[in-house]
C-alpha atoms as a PDB file:
ATOM      1  CA  MET A   1      -7.130 -42.426 -13.657  1.00  0.00           C
ATOM      2  CA  ALA A   2      -6.566 -39.407 -12.246  1.00  0.00           C
ATOM      3  CA  GLY A   3      -7.802 -35.469 -11.851  1.00  0.00           C
ATOM      4  CA  ARG A   4      -4.599 -36.357 -10.404  1.00  0.00           C
ATOM      5  CA  ILE A   5      -5.636 -39.746  -8.743  1.00  0.00           C
ATOM      6  CA  HIS A   6      -5.815 -37.906  -5.924  1.00  0.00           C
ATOM      7  CA  ARG A   7      -9.068 -35.951  -6.765  1.00  0.00           C
ATOM      8  CA  MET A   8      -9.144 -38.801  -8.270  1.00  0.00           C
ATOM      9  CA  ARG A   9      -5.675 -39.084  -8.691  1.00  0.00           C
ATOM     10  CA  ALA A  10      -7.420 -40.728 -11.268  1.00  0.00           C
ATOM     11  CA  ALA A  11      -9.786 -39.222 -13.102  1.00  0.00           C
ATOM     12  CA  SER A  12      -7.528 -37.849 -16.235  1.00  0.00           C
ATOM     13  CA  PHE A  13      -3.947 -37.283 -16.263  1.00  0.00           C
ATOM     14  CA  VAL A  14      -3.413 -33.998 -16.073  1.00  0.00           C
ATOM     15  CA  VAL A  15      -0.138 -32.442 -17.956  1.00  0.00           C
ATOM     16  CA  LEU A  16       1.219 -29.986 -15.275  1.00  0.00           C
ATOM     17  CA  THR A  17       3.940 -27.867 -15.590  1.00  0.00           C
ATOM     18  CA  MET A  18       6.990 -28.559 -12.402  1.00  0.00           C
ATOM     19  CA  ALA A  19       9.907 -26.288 -11.998  1.00  0.00           C
ATOM     20  CA  VAL A  20      12.292 -27.271  -9.208  1.00  0.00           C
ATOM     21  CA  ALA A  21      14.571 -25.138  -7.808  1.00  0.00           C
ATOM     22  CA  VAL A  22      17.648 -26.998  -6.527  1.00  0.00           C
ATOM     23  CA  PRO A  23      19.492 -25.286  -3.830  1.00  0.00           C
ATOM     24  CA  SER A  24      23.234 -26.550  -3.406  1.00  0.00           C
ATOM     25  CA  GLN A  25      24.546 -29.035  -1.413  1.00  0.00           C
ATOM     26  CA  ALA A  26      25.799 -26.773   1.114  1.00  0.00           C
ATOM     27  CA  GLU A  27      22.874 -24.728   1.619  1.00  0.00           C
ATOM     28  CA  ALA A  28      20.385 -28.401   1.956  1.00  0.00           C
ATOM     29  CA  GLN A  29      23.148 -29.992   4.912  1.00  0.00           C
ATOM     30  CA  SER A  30      22.502 -26.462   6.440  1.00  0.00           C
ATOM     31  CA  ALA A  31      19.298 -27.245   6.586  1.00  0.00           C
ATOM     32  CA  GLY A  32      19.726 -29.952   8.180  1.00  0.00           C
ATOM     33  CA  LEU A  33      18.033 -32.047   5.011  1.00  0.00           C
ATOM     34  CA  GLY A  34      19.274 -35.251   3.213  1.00  0.00           C
ATOM     35  CA  ALA A  35      23.125 -36.637   2.326  1.00  0.00           C
ATOM     36  CA  ALA A  36      24.135 -36.964  -1.382  1.00  0.00           C
ATOM     37  CA  GLY A  37      22.564 -33.716  -2.483  1.00  0.00           C
ATOM     38  CA  GLU A  38      18.619 -35.184  -1.796  1.00  0.00           C
ATOM     39  CA  LEU A  39      16.497 -32.690  -0.433  1.00  0.00           C
ATOM     40  CA  VAL A  40      14.960 -34.677   2.191  1.00  0.00           C
ATOM     41  CA  ASP A  41      14.059 -33.721   5.323  1.00  0.00           C
ATOM     42  CA  GLN A  42      15.751 -36.263   7.801  1.00  0.00           C
ATOM     43  CA  ASP A  43      13.477 -35.823  11.079  1.00  0.00           C
ATOM     44  CA  THR A  44       9.727 -34.505  10.019  1.00  0.00           C
ATOM     45  CA  LEU A  45       8.278 -36.554   7.084  1.00  0.00           C
ATOM     46  CA  ARG A  46       7.213 -33.799   4.840  1.00  0.00           C
ATOM     47  CA  VAL A  47       4.048 -34.474   3.360  1.00  0.00           C
ATOM     48  CA  CYS A  48       2.225 -32.984   0.023  1.00  0.00           C
ATOM     49  CA  ALA A  49      -1.521 -33.409   0.489  1.00  0.00           C
ATOM     50  CA  ASP A  50      -4.982 -31.500  -0.494  1.00  0.00           C
ATOM     51  CA  PRO A  51      -6.359 -30.398   2.762  1.00  0.00           C
ATOM     52  CA  SER A  52      -9.785 -31.783   1.782  1.00  0.00           C
ATOM     53  CA  ASN A  53      -9.821 -34.739  -0.165  1.00  0.00           C
ATOM     54  CA  MET A  54     -11.227 -37.404   1.571  1.00  0.00           C
ATOM     55  CA  PRO A  55     -11.005 -40.600   1.927  1.00  0.00           C
ATOM     56  CA  PHE A  56      -7.481 -39.813   1.006  1.00  0.00           C
ATOM     57  CA  SER A  57      -5.880 -36.875   2.910  1.00  0.00           C
ATOM     58  CA  ASP A  58      -7.989 -34.007   5.567  1.00  0.00           C
ATOM     59  CA  ARG A  59      -6.852 -31.454   7.694  1.00  0.00           C
ATOM     60  CA  SER A  60      -8.543 -33.164   9.997  1.00  0.00           C
ATOM     61  CA  GLY A  61      -5.992 -36.015   9.614  1.00  0.00           C
ATOM     62  CA  GLU A  62      -8.788 -38.229   8.994  1.00  0.00           C
ATOM     63  CA  GLY A  63      -7.968 -39.788   5.569  1.00  0.00           C
ATOM     64  CA  PHE A  64      -5.784 -42.882   4.750  1.00  0.00           C
ATOM     65  CA  GLU A  65      -2.803 -41.328   3.230  1.00  0.00           C
ATOM     66  CA  ASP A  66      -2.479 -39.242   6.491  1.00  0.00           C
ATOM     67  CA  ARG A  67      -2.467 -42.222   8.782  1.00  0.00           C
ATOM     68  CA  LEU A  68      -0.129 -43.559   6.142  1.00  0.00           C
ATOM     69  CA  ALA A  69       2.325 -41.004   6.303  1.00  0.00           C
ATOM     70  CA  LYS A  70       2.364 -41.197  10.370  1.00  0.00           C
ATOM     71  CA  MET A  71       3.539 -45.098   9.832  1.00  0.00           C
ATOM     72  CA  VAL A  72       5.873 -44.000   7.141  1.00  0.00           C
ATOM     73  CA  ALA A  73       7.434 -41.494   9.523  1.00  0.00           C
ATOM     74  CA  ALA A  74       7.686 -44.097  12.306  1.00  0.00           C
ATOM     75  CA  GLY A  75       8.707 -46.584  10.100  1.00  0.00           C
ATOM     76  CA  THR A  76      11.853 -44.165   8.902  1.00  0.00           C
ATOM     77  CA  GLY A  77      12.871 -42.729  12.176  1.00  0.00           C
ATOM     78  CA  ARG A  78      10.977 -39.185  11.559  1.00  0.00           C
ATOM     79  CA  SER A  79      10.003 -37.933  14.864  1.00  0.00           C
ATOM     80  CA  SER A  80       7.028 -36.064  13.225  1.00  0.00           C
ATOM     81  CA  VAL A  81       4.714 -35.410  10.424  1.00  0.00           C
ATOM     82  CA  ALA A  82       4.238 -31.802   8.449  1.00  0.00           C
ATOM     83  CA  TYR A  83       1.909 -31.260   5.545  1.00  0.00           C
ATOM     84  CA  THR A  84       2.288 -28.205   2.589  1.00  0.00           C
ATOM     85  CA  TRP A  85      -1.488 -28.158   1.881  1.00  0.00           C
ATOM     86  CA  PHE A  86      -2.328 -27.523  -1.927  1.00  0.00           C
ATOM     87  CA  PRO A  87      -5.593 -28.568  -3.491  1.00  0.00           C
ATOM     88  CA  SER A  88      -5.542 -31.137  -6.239  1.00  0.00           C
ATOM     89  CA  ILE A  89      -6.111 -28.592  -9.360  1.00  0.00           C
ATOM     90  CA  MET A  90      -3.140 -27.697 -12.066  1.00  0.00           C
ATOM     91  CA  GLY A  91       0.027 -26.651 -10.098  1.00  0.00           C
ATOM     92  CA  PHE A  92      -0.214 -28.796  -7.712  1.00  0.00           C
ATOM     93  CA  VAL A  93       3.346 -30.615  -7.974  1.00  0.00           C
ATOM     94  CA  ARG A  94       4.851 -28.009  -9.468  1.00  0.00           C
ATOM     95  CA  ASN A  95       4.106 -25.650  -5.788  1.00  0.00           C
ATOM     96  CA  THR A  96       4.346 -28.306  -3.509  1.00  0.00           C
ATOM     97  CA  LEU A  97       6.851 -31.349  -4.441  1.00  0.00           C
ATOM     98  CA  GLY A  98       8.354 -29.200  -7.101  1.00  0.00           C
ATOM     99  CA  ALA A  99       8.968 -26.170  -4.893  1.00  0.00           C
ATOM    100  CA  ASN A 100      10.847 -28.346  -2.556  1.00  0.00           C
ATOM    101  CA  ARG A 101       7.975 -27.417   0.243  1.00  0.00           C
ATOM    102  CA  CYS A 102       7.667 -31.200   0.785  1.00  0.00           C
ATOM    103  CA  ASP A 103       9.332 -34.943   0.103  1.00  0.00           C
ATOM    104  CA  VAL A 104       6.462 -36.909  -0.825  1.00  0.00           C
ATOM    105  CA  ILE A 105       2.963 -37.203  -2.288  1.00  0.00           C
ATOM    106  CA  MET A 106       1.453 -40.233  -0.431  1.00  0.00           C
ATOM    107  CA  GLY A 107      -0.524 -41.295  -3.504  1.00  0.00           C
ATOM    108  CA  TYR A 108       0.106 -40.752  -7.130  1.00  0.00           C
ATOM    109  CA  ALA A 109      -0.781 -43.137 -10.295  1.00  0.00           C
ATOM    110  CA  GLN A 110       2.499 -45.352 -11.375  1.00  0.00           C
ATOM    111  CA  GLY A 111       3.381 -43.820 -14.611  1.00  0.00           C
ATOM    112  CA  ASP A 112       3.256 -40.351 -14.379  1.00  0.00           C
ATOM    113  CA  GLU A 113       6.462 -38.205 -15.447  1.00  0.00           C
ATOM    114  CA  LEU A 114       5.626 -35.467 -13.189  1.00  0.00           C
ATOM    115  CA  VAL A 115       7.059 -37.558 -10.215  1.00  0.00           C
ATOM    116  CA  GLN A 116       9.349 -40.653  -9.561  1.00  0.00           C
ATOM    117  CA  ASN A 117       7.221 -43.278  -8.233  1.00  0.00           C
ATOM    118  CA  THR A 118       8.019 -45.681  -5.469  1.00  0.00           C
ATOM    119  CA  ASN A 119       6.845 -49.045  -5.469  1.00  0.00           C
ATOM    120  CA  ALA A 120       3.065 -49.386  -5.948  1.00  0.00           C
ATOM    121  CA  TYR A 121       1.587 -50.166  -2.146  1.00  0.00           C
ATOM    122  CA  TYR A 122      -1.648 -50.925  -3.725  1.00  0.00           C
ATOM    123  CA  ARG A 123      -3.982 -51.744  -6.607  1.00  0.00           C
ATOM    124  CA  SER A 124      -7.531 -50.579  -7.400  1.00  0.00           C
ATOM    125  CA  SER A 125      -9.874 -49.797 -10.043  1.00  0.00           C
ATOM    126  CA  TYR A 126     -12.918 -47.814 -11.359  1.00  0.00           C
ATOM    127  CA  VAL A 127     -15.905 -49.579 -10.059  1.00  0.00           C
ATOM    128  CA  LEU A 128     -19.417 -49.983 -10.905  1.00  0.00           C
ATOM    129  CA  ILE A 129     -21.748 -49.064  -7.829  1.00  0.00           C
ATOM    130  CA  TYR A 130     -25.859 -49.994  -7.917  1.00  0.00           C
ATOM    131  CA  LYS A 131     -28.458 -51.207  -5.164  1.00  0.00           C
ATOM    132  CA  LYS A 132     -27.601 -54.705  -4.262  1.00  0.00           C
ATOM    133  CA  ASP A 133     -31.134 -55.665  -3.743  1.00  0.00           C
ATOM    134  CA  GLY A 134     -32.110 -53.849  -6.940  1.00  0.00           C
ATOM    135  CA  ASP A 135     -32.708 -55.078 -10.755  1.00  0.00           C
ATOM    136  CA  LEU A 136     -29.075 -54.633 -11.441  1.00  0.00           C
ATOM    137  CA  SER A 137     -27.692 -57.452  -9.389  1.00  0.00           C
ATOM    138  CA  GLY A 138     -25.127 -59.442 -11.094  1.00  0.00           C
ATOM    139  CA  VAL A 139     -24.036 -56.809 -13.664  1.00  0.00           C
ATOM    140  CA  GLU A 140     -20.209 -56.806 -13.672  1.00  0.00           C
ATOM    141  CA  THR A 141     -19.276 -54.986 -17.515  1.00  0.00           C
ATOM    142  CA  LEU A 142     -20.794 -51.426 -18.579  1.00  0.00           C
ATOM    143  CA  THR A 143     -21.842 -53.538 -21.584  1.00  0.00           C
ATOM    144  CA  ASP A 144     -24.503 -56.219 -19.482  1.00  0.00           C
ATOM    145  CA  ARG A 145     -28.043 -55.546 -21.299  1.00  0.00           C
ATOM    146  CA  LYS A 146     -28.809 -54.530 -17.854  1.00  0.00           C
ATOM    147  CA  LEU A 147     -27.503 -50.984 -18.277  1.00  0.00           C
ATOM    148  CA  SER A 148     -29.260 -50.304 -21.457  1.00  0.00           C
ATOM    149  CA  ASP A 149     -31.870 -48.373 -20.047  1.00  0.00           C
ATOM    150  CA  LYS A 150     -30.055 -47.467 -16.664  1.00  0.00           C
ATOM    151  CA  ARG A 151     -29.338 -43.651 -15.873  1.00  0.00           C
ATOM    152  CA  ILE A 152     -25.635 -43.431 -15.064  1.00  0.00           C
ATOM    153  CA  GLY A 153     -23.347 -41.216 -12.936  1.00  0.00           C
ATOM    154  CA  VAL A 154     -19.775 -40.818 -14.194  1.00  0.00           C
ATOM    155  CA  VAL A 155     -17.418 -38.217 -13.691  1.00  0.00           C
ATOM    156  CA  GLU A 156     -16.035 -36.201 -16.279  1.00  0.00           C
ATOM    157  CA  GLY A 157     -13.084 -36.659 -18.616  1.00  0.00           C
ATOM    158  CA  THR A 158     -12.279 -40.346 -16.620  1.00  0.00           C
ATOM    159  CA  PRO A 159     -11.872 -43.510 -18.347  1.00  0.00           C
ATOM    160  CA  PRO A 160     -14.965 -45.321 -17.794  1.00  0.00           C
ATOM    161  CA  THR A 161     -16.802 -42.184 -20.069  1.00  0.00           C
ATOM    162  CA  ALA A 162     -15.386 -44.297 -23.190  1.00  0.00           C
ATOM    163  CA  HIS A 163     -16.405 -47.493 -22.414  1.00  0.00           C
ATOM    164  CA  MET A 164     -20.267 -46.147 -21.768  1.00  0.00           C
ATOM    165  CA  ALA A 165     -19.919 -44.164 -25.065  1.00  0.00           C
ATOM    166  CA  VAL A 166     -19.225 -47.046 -26.934  1.00  0.00           C
ATOM    167  CA  ALA A 167     -22.039 -49.000 -24.790  1.00  0.00           C
ATOM    168  CA  LYS A 168     -24.024 -46.451 -25.967  1.00  0.00           C
ATOM    169  CA  LEU A 169     -24.678 -45.208 -22.157  1.00  0.00           C
ATOM    170  CA  MET A 170     -23.695 -42.023 -22.231  1.00  0.00           C
ATOM    171  CA  ARG A 171     -27.133 -40.687 -23.941  1.00  0.00           C
ATOM    172  CA  LYS A 172     -29.033 -40.576 -20.541  1.00  0.00           C
ATOM    173  CA  ALA A 173     -25.804 -40.396 -18.232  1.00  0.00           C
ATOM    174  CA  LYS A 174     -25.515 -37.764 -15.483  1.00  0.00           C
ATOM    175  CA  VAL A 175     -22.591 -36.054 -16.190  1.00  0.00           C
ATOM    176  CA  TYR A 176     -20.282 -34.548 -12.757  1.00  0.00           C
ATOM    177  CA  PRO A 177     -17.716 -32.243 -12.929  1.00  0.00           C
ATOM    178  CA  LEU A 178     -14.042 -33.965 -12.712  1.00  0.00           C
ATOM    179  CA  MET A 179     -12.434 -30.654 -10.904  1.00  0.00           C
ATOM    180  CA  VAL A 180     -14.373 -29.378  -7.968  1.00  0.00           C
ATOM    181  CA  ASP A 181     -13.204 -27.811  -4.566  1.00  0.00           C
ATOM    182  CA  THR A 182     -14.057 -30.123  -2.141  1.00  0.00           C
ATOM    183  CA  ARG A 183     -13.543 -27.357   0.489  1.00  0.00           C
ATOM    184  CA  ALA A 184     -16.909 -26.157  -0.605  1.00  0.00           C
ATOM    185  CA  LEU A 185     -18.694 -28.774  -2.193  1.00  0.00           C
ATOM    186  CA  PRO A 186     -19.130 -32.814  -1.444  1.00  0.00           C
ATOM    187  CA  SER A 187     -16.624 -35.336  -3.198  1.00  0.00           C
ATOM    188  CA  MET A 188     -18.180 -36.046  -6.712  1.00  0.00           C
ATOM    189  CA  ALA A 189     -18.525 -39.785  -5.726  1.00  0.00           C
ATOM    190  CA  GLU A 190     -20.817 -38.758  -2.629  1.00  0.00           C
ATOM    191  CA  LEU A 191     -22.940 -36.819  -4.449  1.00  0.00           C
ATOM    192  CA  MET A 192     -23.202 -39.607  -6.607  1.00  0.00           C
ATOM    193  CA  ILE A 193     -23.950 -42.089  -4.142  1.00  0.00           C
ATOM    194  CA  GLN A 194     -26.544 -39.778  -3.201  1.00  0.00           C
ATOM    195  CA  ASP A 195     -28.218 -38.891  -6.175  1.00  0.00           C
ATOM    196  CA  MET A 196     -28.405 -42.893  -6.616  1.00  0.00           C
ATOM    197  CA  LEU A 197     -29.991 -43.212  -3.014  1.00  0.00           C
ATOM    198  CA  ALA A 198     -32.462 -40.781  -3.719  1.00  0.00           C
ATOM    199  CA  GLY A 199     -33.650 -42.190  -7.321  1.00  0.00           C
ATOM    200  CA  VAL A 200     -31.956 -39.342  -9.392  1.00  0.00           C
ATOM    201  CA  ILE A 201     -29.791 -41.896 -11.303  1.00  0.00           C
ATOM    202  CA  ASP A 202     -29.865 -46.032 -11.113  1.00  0.00           C
ATOM    203  CA  ALA A 203     -25.731 -46.492 -10.740  1.00  0.00           C
ATOM    204  CA  ALA A 204     -22.634 -44.969 -10.428  1.00  0.00           C
ATOM    205  CA  VAL A 205     -19.132 -45.105 -12.156  1.00  0.00           C
ATOM    206  CA  ALA A 206     -16.429 -44.169  -9.660  1.00  0.00           C
ATOM    207  CA  TRP A 207     -12.707 -44.517  -8.801  1.00  0.00           C
ATOM    208  CA  GLY A 208     -12.788 -47.448  -6.382  1.00  0.00           C
ATOM    209  CA  PRO A 209     -11.209 -46.073  -2.888  1.00  0.00           C
ATOM    210  CA  MET A 210     -13.673 -42.995  -3.468  1.00  0.00           C
ATOM    211  CA  ALA A 211     -16.642 -45.376  -4.027  1.00  0.00           C
ATOM    212  CA  GLY A 212     -15.786 -47.671  -1.066  1.00  0.00           C
ATOM    213  CA  TYR A 213     -15.286 -45.039   1.479  1.00  0.00           C
ATOM    214  CA  TYR A 214     -18.312 -43.180   0.169  1.00  0.00           C
ATOM    215  CA  ALA A 215     -20.174 -45.995   0.105  1.00  0.00           C
ATOM    216  CA  ARG A 216     -19.708 -47.330   3.260  1.00  0.00           C
ATOM    217  CA  LYS A 217     -20.381 -44.068   5.178  1.00  0.00           C
ATOM    218  CA  SER A 218     -23.383 -44.334   3.289  1.00  0.00           C
ATOM    219  CA  GLY A 219     -24.749 -46.940   5.346  1.00  0.00           C
ATOM    220  CA  ALA A 220     -27.078 -48.437   2.333  1.00  0.00           C
ATOM    221  CA  GLU A 221     -26.735 -52.180   0.806  1.00  0.00           C
ATOM    222  CA  LEU A 222     -24.683 -51.043  -2.356  1.00  0.00           C
ATOM    223  CA  ALA A 223     -22.731 -53.429  -4.716  1.00  0.00           C
ATOM    224  CA  ILE A 224     -19.258 -51.919  -5.163  1.00  0.00           C
ATOM    225  CA  VAL A 225     -18.068 -54.223  -8.885  1.00  0.00           C
ATOM    226  CA  PRO A 226     -14.715 -53.424 -10.050  1.00  0.00           C
ATOM    227  CA  LEU A 227     -14.061 -53.099 -13.685  1.00  0.00           C
ATOM    228  CA  THR A 228     -11.981 -54.949 -14.464  1.00  0.00           C
ATOM    229  CA  LYS A 229     -13.389 -57.125 -17.570  1.00  0.00           C
ATOM    230  CA  GLU A 230     -13.559 -54.175 -19.669  1.00  0.00           C
ATOM    231  CA  LYS A 231     -12.609 -54.551 -23.297  1.00  0.00           C
ATOM    232  CA  GLY A 232      -9.920 -52.144 -25.181  1.00  0.00           C
ATOM    233  CA  GLY A 233     -10.212 -48.821 -24.423  1.00  0.00           C
ATOM    234  CA  GLN A 234      -8.923 -46.733 -21.450  1.00  0.00           C
ATOM    235  CA  ARG A 235      -7.685 -49.012 -18.572  1.00  0.00           C
ATOM    236  CA  MET A 236      -9.595 -48.751 -16.016  1.00  0.00           C
ATOM    237  CA  THR A 237      -7.221 -50.369 -13.144  1.00  0.00           C
ATOM    238  CA  TYR A 238      -3.989 -48.544 -11.547  1.00  0.00           C
ATOM    239  CA  ARG A 239      -1.384 -49.217  -9.629  1.00  0.00           C
ATOM    240  CA  ILE A 240      -0.669 -46.308  -6.935  1.00  0.00           C
ATOM    241  CA  THR A 241       2.597 -45.231  -5.462  1.00  0.00           C
ATOM    242  CA  MET A 242       3.990 -42.582  -3.345  1.00  0.00           C
ATOM    243  CA  GLY A 243       5.414 -39.478  -5.400  1.00  0.00           C
ATOM    244  CA  VAL A 244       9.288 -38.359  -4.692  1.00  0.00           C
ATOM    245  CA  ARG A 245      11.597 -35.985  -6.726  1.00  0.00           C
ATOM    246  CA  PRO A 246      13.489 -37.787  -9.280  1.00  0.00           C
ATOM    247  CA  SER A 247      16.766 -36.773  -7.728  1.00  0.00           C
ATOM    248  CA  ASP A 248      15.858 -38.189  -4.607  1.00  0.00           C
ATOM    249  CA  GLN A 249      16.753 -41.923  -5.095  1.00  0.00           C
ATOM    250  CA  HIS A 250      18.393 -42.825  -1.614  1.00  0.00           C
ATOM    251  CA  TRP A 251      14.401 -41.810  -0.496  1.00  0.00           C
ATOM    252  CA  LYS A 252      12.771 -43.630  -3.030  1.00  0.00           C
ATOM    253  CA  ARG A 253      14.570 -46.414  -1.905  1.00  0.00           C
ATOM    254  CA  THR A 254      14.000 -45.542   1.713  1.00  0.00           C
ATOM    255  CA  LEU A 255       9.863 -45.930   1.228  1.00  0.00           C
ATOM    256  CA  ASN A 256      10.648 -49.034  -0.917  1.00  0.00           C
ATOM    257  CA  ALA A 257      11.533 -50.487   1.898  1.00  0.00           C
ATOM    258  CA  PHE A 258       9.428 -49.443   4.017  1.00  0.00           C
ATOM    259  CA  ILE A 259       6.702 -50.705   1.718  1.00  0.00           C
ATOM    260  CA  SER A 260       7.929 -54.006   1.076  1.00  0.00           C
ATOM    261  CA  ASP A 261       8.610 -54.648   5.217  1.00  0.00           C
ATOM    262  CA  ASN A 262       4.890 -53.223   6.052  1.00  0.00           C
ATOM    263  CA  GLN A 263       2.610 -54.293   3.297  1.00  0.00           C
ATOM    264  CA  ALA A 264       0.143 -56.489   5.323  1.00  0.00           C
ATOM    265  CA  GLU A 265      -0.753 -53.418   7.571  1.00  0.00           C
ATOM    266  CA  ILE A 266      -1.053 -51.240   4.665  1.00  0.00           C
ATOM    267  CA  ASN A 267      -3.570 -53.385   3.309  1.00  0.00           C
ATOM    268  CA  ARG A 268      -5.721 -53.198   6.489  1.00  0.00           C
ATOM    269  CA  LEU A 269      -5.773 -49.581   6.361  1.00  0.00           C
ATOM    270  CA  LEU A 270      -6.540 -49.387   3.204  1.00  0.00           C
ATOM    271  CA  LEU A 271      -9.134 -52.119   3.772  1.00  0.00           C
ATOM    272  CA  ASP A 272     -10.472 -50.455   6.429  1.00  0.00           C
ATOM    273  CA  TYR A 273     -11.543 -47.403   4.472  1.00  0.00           C
ATOM    274  CA  GLY A 274     -13.257 -49.485   2.150  1.00  0.00           C
ATOM    275  CA  VAL A 275     -10.537 -49.525  -0.855  1.00  0.00           C
ATOM    276  CA  PRO A 276     -11.320 -52.305  -3.466  1.00  0.00           C
ATOM    277  CA  LEU A 277      -8.037 -53.655  -3.409  1.00  0.00           C
ATOM    278  CA  LEU A 278      -6.836 -55.999  -6.376  1.00  0.00           C
ATOM    279  CA  ASP A 279      -3.650 -58.070  -6.802  1.00  0.00           C
ATOM    280  CA  GLU A 280      -1.945 -58.436 -10.289  1.00  0.00           C
ATOM    281  CA  HIS A 281      -4.545 -61.291 -11.644  1.00  0.00           C
ATOM    282  CA  ASP A 282      -7.488 -58.448 -10.677  1.00  0.00           C
ATOM    283  CA  VAL A 283      -8.571 -60.729  -7.871  1.00  0.00           C
ATOM    284  CA  SER A 284      -9.537 -58.637  -5.154  1.00  0.00           C
ATOM    285  CA  ILE A 285      -7.896 -58.949  -1.910  1.00  0.00           C
ATOM    286  CA  THR A 286     -10.578 -59.150   1.151  1.00  0.00           C
ATOM    287  CA  GLN A 287      -7.960 -59.203   3.892  1.00  0.00           C
END
């Protein structure tokens, strides 16, 4: 997943360079930051985020990560939330968390080495989207013969493209750009759904949280099918965590405790945004 499984925080894990400037413990204490040399503000939840990346984060505060940040602040004794805004492009981690301008990235794919991951607070997958009342009803995999003559929208460089290539679906596919400035252009998931409803494409493949949100926003009757039955190739399912600095061990434990204590409420928040949630057995979580 990942252009950051952020623009997809999930579209294709990009290798970024992180340069961390570490102040001395005395400087940290004089700034009112964390104990044991950790660079974490104790009064304000300092969040690293994209300013225009719905449904994740937005300057308007409408993203589910924005709402989650308020929950985390309250649950960890912070009095407020402050943002360092930076677009989801090369250098995001280096210029935010790595520069000590903020203390947490609210959504980050587990396993990326640029950050230290907390425990996962949700698990989702790439999904196939099509009209419920169309001739693709019942399709659950990209190898289904019903898709063989269909034009399918997909974002370049994302894991589904490899599966689509094996299924010989890329020849007719409409490929959408991975890295876009959503301050000026719509999300590619939103654009794919618009194109599908206009008849430009027959189906679309997108990262689940984006697909679920924009499908619900469209008001159309759309099937959102998690692609959990694909064989071989790149994985389609990802655990999403919060990202912190490698040095901030106490902060990671604090966030892990928050996640454990509030998992049911976190699930309800994500479901409110149409996020397709999966348990460890790929069974959909609906409440």
